[in-house]
Each structure stands twice: as structure tokens, then as C-alpha cells.
Amino acid sequence: MNLKPGSTRTVVKRNYALITPDGFVPSVLPGWKNAVVIINIAPVMNGPRFTQIQIALDANSTGTGGTGTLEHFYYVIAGDCTAQLNGRKHALTAGSYLFLPPKTTFKFFGATKGTKLLVFRKQFEPLAGEKIPGVICGHADAIKGQPFLGNEDARLQVLLPDQPAFDLAVNIFTYQPNATLPFVETHIMEHGLLMLKGRGIYRLDADKYPVTAGDVIWMASYCPQWFIAKGKTPASYIYYKDVNREPK
């Protein structure tokens, strides 16, 4: 999308934000070397209760650290690399994902040029009587998309187990052209979202915005939301939501 000088598609409001690539600015993230880090969503926005990050890697890049009391979710947008978690290596390709529970050490290395990671981070909230989940390594290609509320043209891939021990969910939603969410959703869960491919129109609160691959969206709890895919090819996005805990 061509923009006039001094213009941007980015919009930041009280209970939602559309963050577009035309305004991305790299940040420094401790432990990540020779990497381009874009912190798209963070609690300093005075609303989000999680952090959403994109990290671009190449052969000279490394990322090391530990989750501490947080939990991390990584999704490989493009390229491939190796992740070492608590000493165990995992080969990752585009579409691979990782769930890292608290107290997990990690190292990312050996990336090919053009590798991009999406990261969700949040404070883990343990649930009495439930064990803390372990490390999960999977691939989106192994998760069959299910028709959403019976709609064959809107399919949902659920990447993490739908179990009470997990306090977050990460899903991929894929729409055929002109497919939509069946109604305007309004709910307690907040979302962090990245458009993976295609384009469409996203309703956020009472406003509607054209969106395309690479766009980032934050939706606060109870922000009315709706989507329709536009164009001649499918549209898809990956999104985070908080689940399975008492409201605060």
C-alpha cells in the first residue's frame, strides 16, 4: 500500500491498535545478537497484558536466555533455524512452533537468511491442581483446520492443547475469499494478531480497516471485532488469546 509522506496506516486507540509495517522501528532485546527485533505490542501501551515480538535472523544471529516466570510461544513465519531448549535441540522450519513454559532456557541459532520469528510472551498463571505444561514443539502443517461453527470456508487450526493447565491459546484462522467471522465477537479474551497472508477488512470497535499480510493487531478485552477476507486468494492470521483463568 502506497502512502503519502507523513502518513501511516497505524492506529492506536484505547482498546485496540493496528500496527503496520510502514512504522516498524527496531528495538534492542537482551540476549539477541545480530537480529532485528520489532516489539509490536507490549504492556507499556497501557492495555495489553502480554508482549508480541517479531525477530528477523540470519546465519550470524543468536538468541539466548530463559523464560523465568513467563511463558513464551514462538512461530516460524519464514526460513529455518535451530532452537536449543533446556539443552535439547529442535530443527525448525516455516510453520514450526514452540511453547516454552516457565524456567526454560533457550538458544536460537543456525538461521538461514530471511528467517523470521513471531513471539508471544506473558506471565504464566498456574492453576491449582494442574501441572505446569512442558515444552511443546509442533508444526502447523500437522494440525488440520476445522470448519469454524460449521463454515467450510473459515477454518481454525488450534496449535496448543485445549486443556485447563494452559492459560493461553494460539490459533491460525484461514478464510477463503469473502468468508467472514459469523458475527461481531465481544468477549473477555484479549488478542494479539499477525496477518500471515492475503488481505481483508477488520472491524475493531466501531471502526473498519483494510489489512494485509504483515499487519499486527491488538484487541483489548470486550473490543467488538469482526473480519472478512477480500481479494482472490485466501487470507490467514495467527492470533493469541488468554484463556482458562478467573477474570481480573
Protein backbone atom coordinates (compact mmCIF):
# COMPACT_ATOMS: atom_id res chain seq x y z
CA MET A 1 0.00 0.00 0.00
CA ASN A 2 1.49 3.34 -1.11
CA LEU A 3 1.39 6.12 1.47
CA LYS A 4 1.89 9.85 1.16
CA PRO A 5 4.83 11.33 3.12
CA GLY A 6 3.86 11.82 6.74
CA SER A 7 1.06 9.24 6.52
CA THR A 8 0.66 5.83 8.15
CA ARG A 9 -1.96 3.13 8.38
CA THR A 10 -1.09 2.61 12.06
CA VAL A 11 -3.85 3.47 14.53
CA VAL A 12 -3.52 3.20 18.32
CA LYS A 13 -6.63 3.64 20.42
CA ARG A 14 -7.76 2.89 23.97
CA ASN A 15 -8.93 -0.68 23.33
CA TYR A 16 -7.27 -1.65 20.06
CA ALA A 17 -4.29 -0.96 17.84
CA LEU A 18 -3.47 -1.61 14.21
CA ILE A 19 0.34 -1.59 13.86
CA THR A 20 1.51 -1.61 10.24
CA PRO A 21 4.98 -2.33 8.78
CA ASP A 22 5.36 1.22 7.44
CA GLY A 23 6.06 2.34 11.02
CA PHE A 24 8.09 -0.58 12.43
CA VAL A 25 11.20 0.53 14.32
CA PRO A 26 13.82 -2.00 15.59
CA SER A 27 14.45 -2.34 19.31
CA VAL A 28 17.16 -3.98 21.41
CA LEU A 29 16.18 -7.19 23.18
CA PRO A 30 18.73 -8.56 25.70
CA GLY A 31 20.21 -11.88 24.65
CA TRP A 32 19.55 -11.43 20.92
CA LYS A 33 22.62 -10.62 18.80
CA ASN A 34 22.78 -9.71 15.09
CA ALA A 35 18.99 -9.84 14.98
CA VAL A 36 16.36 -7.27 14.02
CA VAL A 37 13.79 -7.10 16.82
CA ILE A 38 10.42 -5.38 16.43
CA ILE A 39 8.36 -5.16 19.63
CA ASN A 40 4.86 -4.72 18.20
CA ILE A 41 2.72 -4.97 21.34
CA ALA A 42 3.71 -4.51 24.99
CA PRO A 43 2.14 -3.63 28.36
CA VAL A 44 3.63 -0.11 28.15
CA MET A 45 0.80 0.62 25.70
CA ASN A 46 -1.39 0.80 28.85
CA GLY A 47 -3.72 -2.01 27.88
CA PRO A 48 -2.05 -5.24 26.71
CA ARG A 49 -1.26 -7.90 29.29
CA PHE A 50 1.26 -9.65 27.03
CA THR A 51 4.09 -8.87 24.62
CA GLN A 52 4.20 -9.62 20.88
CA ILE A 53 7.54 -9.51 19.06
CA GLN A 54 8.92 -10.19 15.59
CA ILE A 55 12.57 -11.19 15.19
CA ALA A 56 14.49 -11.39 11.90
CA LEU A 57 17.51 -13.71 11.87
CA ASP A 58 20.38 -14.68 9.60
CA ALA A 59 23.39 -17.00 9.81
CA ASN A 60 25.17 -14.73 12.32
CA SER A 61 22.18 -14.34 14.65
CA THR A 62 21.81 -15.87 18.10
CA GLY A 63 19.18 -15.55 20.78
CA THR A 64 19.80 -16.81 24.31
CA GLY A 65 18.03 -16.51 27.62
CA GLY A 66 15.43 -18.04 29.88
CA THR A 67 11.69 -17.65 30.35
CA GLY A 68 11.90 -17.10 34.13
CA THR A 69 8.32 -16.77 35.41
CA LEU A 70 7.00 -16.08 31.90
CA GLU A 71 5.85 -18.43 29.16
CA HIS A 72 6.88 -17.98 25.52
CA PHE A 73 5.35 -19.08 22.24
CA TYR A 74 7.44 -18.99 19.04
CA TYR A 75 6.16 -19.39 15.49
CA VAL A 76 8.46 -19.51 12.46
CA ILE A 77 6.97 -17.13 9.89
CA ALA A 78 9.67 -17.85 7.28
CA GLY A 79 13.02 -19.60 6.93
CA ASP A 80 14.53 -22.13 9.29
CA CYS A 81 16.78 -22.28 12.35
CA THR A 82 17.65 -24.42 15.36
CA ALA A 83 16.30 -23.96 18.87
CA GLN A 84 18.00 -25.48 21.90
CA LEU A 85 15.61 -25.75 24.84
CA ASN A 86 16.91 -26.95 28.20
CA GLY A 87 19.81 -28.49 26.25
CA ARG A 88 17.69 -30.32 23.66
CA LYS A 89 17.88 -29.25 20.01
CA HIS A 90 14.86 -28.77 17.74
CA ALA A 91 15.11 -28.14 13.98
CA LEU A 92 12.56 -25.52 12.95
CA THR A 93 11.17 -24.67 9.52
CA ALA A 94 8.49 -22.24 8.33
CA GLY A 95 5.29 -23.18 10.17
CA SER A 96 7.08 -24.72 13.17
CA TYR A 97 6.06 -23.56 16.62
CA LEU A 98 7.32 -23.89 20.19
CA PHE A 99 5.71 -23.48 23.59
CA LEU A 100 8.18 -22.71 26.39
CA PRO A 101 6.88 -22.92 29.98
CA PRO A 102 8.45 -21.02 32.88
CA LYS A 103 12.01 -21.90 33.85
CA THR A 104 13.00 -22.93 30.31
CA THR A 105 16.42 -21.95 28.93
CA PHE A 106 16.65 -21.31 25.20
CA LYS A 107 19.11 -20.64 22.42
CA PHE A 108 18.25 -19.89 18.79
CA PHE A 109 20.98 -20.18 16.16
CA GLY A 110 21.86 -21.53 12.71
CA ALA A 111 19.23 -19.50 10.88
CA THR A 112 19.08 -19.06 7.13
CA LYS A 113 18.85 -15.59 5.67
CA GLY A 114 15.28 -14.32 5.79
CA THR A 115 14.23 -16.30 8.85
CA LYS A 116 11.50 -14.55 10.85
CA LEU A 117 10.05 -15.48 14.24
CA LEU A 118 6.82 -14.37 15.87
CA VAL A 119 6.93 -14.41 19.67
CA PHE A 120 4.19 -14.12 22.29
CA ARG A 121 5.25 -13.67 25.92
CA LYS A 122 3.10 -13.45 29.04
CA GLN A 123 3.21 -14.05 32.77
CA PHE A 124 2.26 -17.67 33.44
CA GLU A 125 -0.67 -18.11 35.82
CA PRO A 126 -0.59 -21.55 37.48
CA LEU A 127 -3.87 -23.29 38.22
CA ALA A 128 -4.29 -25.19 41.47
CA GLY A 129 -4.36 -28.93 40.87
CA GLU A 130 -2.85 -28.68 37.38
CA LYS A 131 0.75 -29.47 36.44
CA ILE A 132 2.72 -26.81 34.61
CA PRO A 133 2.81 -27.78 30.91
CA GLY A 134 6.08 -28.93 29.39
CA VAL A 135 7.87 -27.82 26.24
CA ILE A 136 5.85 -28.36 23.05
CA CYS A 137 7.34 -28.46 19.54
CA GLY A 138 4.98 -28.83 16.59
CA HIS A 139 4.24 -27.78 13.03
CA ALA A 140 1.14 -26.08 11.68
CA ASP A 141 1.03 -28.49 8.72
CA ALA A 142 0.27 -31.31 11.17
CA ILE A 143 -2.82 -29.51 12.54
CA LYS A 144 -5.91 -29.98 10.40
CA GLY A 145 -8.04 -26.88 10.05
CA GLN A 146 -11.56 -27.40 11.37
CA PRO A 147 -14.63 -25.58 9.97
CA PHE A 148 -15.44 -22.72 12.34
CA LEU A 149 -19.03 -23.06 13.54
CA GLY A 150 -19.69 -25.31 10.55
CA ASN A 151 -18.31 -22.92 7.91
CA GLU A 152 -16.09 -24.87 5.48
CA ASP A 153 -14.65 -21.58 4.14
CA ALA A 154 -13.38 -20.42 7.55
CA ARG A 155 -11.07 -22.95 9.17
CA LEU A 156 -9.33 -22.86 12.54
CA GLN A 157 -6.08 -24.59 13.48
CA VAL A 158 -5.65 -24.94 17.26
CA LEU A 159 -1.91 -25.16 17.93
CA LEU A 160 -1.88 -25.78 21.70
CA PRO A 161 -3.84 -28.32 23.76
CA ASP A 162 -7.27 -27.08 24.86
CA GLN A 163 -6.65 -28.01 28.50
CA PRO A 164 -7.08 -26.11 31.80
CA ALA A 165 -3.33 -26.21 32.50
CA PHE A 166 -2.78 -23.75 29.64
CA ASP A 167 -3.61 -20.09 30.25
CA LEU A 168 -3.10 -19.09 26.63
CA ALA A 169 -4.19 -20.31 23.23
CA VAL A 170 -2.59 -19.69 19.83
CA ASN A 171 -4.59 -20.43 16.68
CA ILE A 172 -4.36 -19.91 12.93
CA PHE A 173 -7.53 -18.79 11.13
CA THR A 174 -7.73 -19.22 7.34
CA TYR A 175 -10.55 -17.73 5.25
CA GLN A 176 -11.47 -18.32 1.64
CA PRO A 177 -12.20 -15.12 -0.32
CA ASN A 178 -15.30 -13.34 1.05
CA ALA A 179 -15.56 -15.68 4.06
CA THR A 180 -16.20 -13.93 7.37
CA LEU A 181 -16.40 -14.35 11.08
CA PRO A 182 -20.06 -15.32 11.55
CA PHE A 183 -20.83 -12.42 13.91
CA VAL A 184 -19.21 -9.46 15.65
CA GLU A 185 -17.44 -11.02 18.64
CA THR A 186 -17.26 -9.30 22.03
CA HIS A 187 -15.54 -11.27 24.78
CA ILE A 188 -13.27 -11.23 27.81
CA MET A 189 -10.22 -12.60 25.99
CA GLU A 190 -7.71 -10.13 24.54
CA HIS A 191 -5.90 -10.83 21.28
CA GLY A 192 -2.55 -10.27 19.64
CA LEU A 193 -2.69 -10.98 15.90
CA LEU A 194 -0.38 -11.10 12.88
CA MET A 195 -1.72 -11.26 9.33
CA LEU A 196 0.18 -14.09 7.61
CA LYS A 197 -1.16 -13.87 4.07
CA GLY A 198 -3.89 -12.33 1.97
CA ARG A 199 -5.93 -9.29 2.83
CA GLY A 200 -9.28 -8.28 4.22
CA ILE A 201 -11.27 -5.83 6.30
CA TYR A 202 -11.03 -5.91 10.10
CA ARG A 203 -13.68 -4.31 12.30
CA LEU A 204 -12.21 -3.06 15.58
CA ASP A 205 -14.71 -1.45 17.96
CA ALA A 206 -16.92 0.64 15.63
CA ASP A 207 -14.18 1.19 13.02
CA LYS A 208 -13.21 -0.81 9.93
CA TYR A 209 -9.71 -1.05 8.42
CA PRO A 210 -8.18 -2.70 5.35
CA VAL A 211 -5.49 -5.15 6.49
CA THR A 212 -2.86 -7.16 4.65
CA ALA A 213 -0.04 -9.62 5.32
CA GLY A 214 2.42 -8.23 7.87
CA ASP A 215 -0.09 -6.12 9.77
CA VAL A 216 -0.33 -6.51 13.56
CA ILE A 217 -3.48 -6.03 15.64
CA TRP A 218 -4.06 -5.78 19.39
CA MET A 219 -7.63 -6.17 20.67
CA ALA A 220 -8.43 -5.48 24.30
CA SER A 221 -10.96 -7.44 26.31
CA TYR A 222 -14.50 -6.66 25.13
CA CYS A 223 -13.37 -4.87 21.96
CA PRO A 224 -16.01 -5.70 19.31
CA GLN A 225 -14.24 -7.47 16.42
CA TRP A 226 -15.07 -8.96 13.01
CA PHE A 227 -13.22 -9.93 9.81
CA ILE A 228 -13.94 -10.53 6.14
CA ALA A 229 -11.38 -11.86 3.64
CA LYS A 230 -11.09 -9.88 0.41
CA GLY A 231 -9.26 -10.46 -2.85
CA LYS A 232 -8.84 -13.59 -4.97
CA THR A 233 -6.67 -15.65 -2.58
CA PRO A 234 -7.24 -16.97 0.96
CA ALA A 235 -6.38 -14.79 3.96
CA SER A 236 -4.96 -16.11 7.19
CA TYR A 237 -3.77 -14.80 10.53
CA ILE A 238 -2.24 -16.24 13.67
CA TYR A 239 -3.51 -14.95 16.99
CA TYR A 240 -3.04 -15.24 20.74
CA LYS A 241 -5.68 -15.13 23.45
CA ASP A 242 -5.69 -15.60 27.23
CA VAL A 243 -7.92 -18.44 28.45
CA ASN A 244 -8.91 -20.71 31.36
CA ARG A 245 -8.37 -18.34 34.27
CA GLU A 246 -10.58 -16.33 36.62
CA PRO A 247 -11.30 -12.80 35.34
CA LYS A 248 -9.33 -9.99 36.96
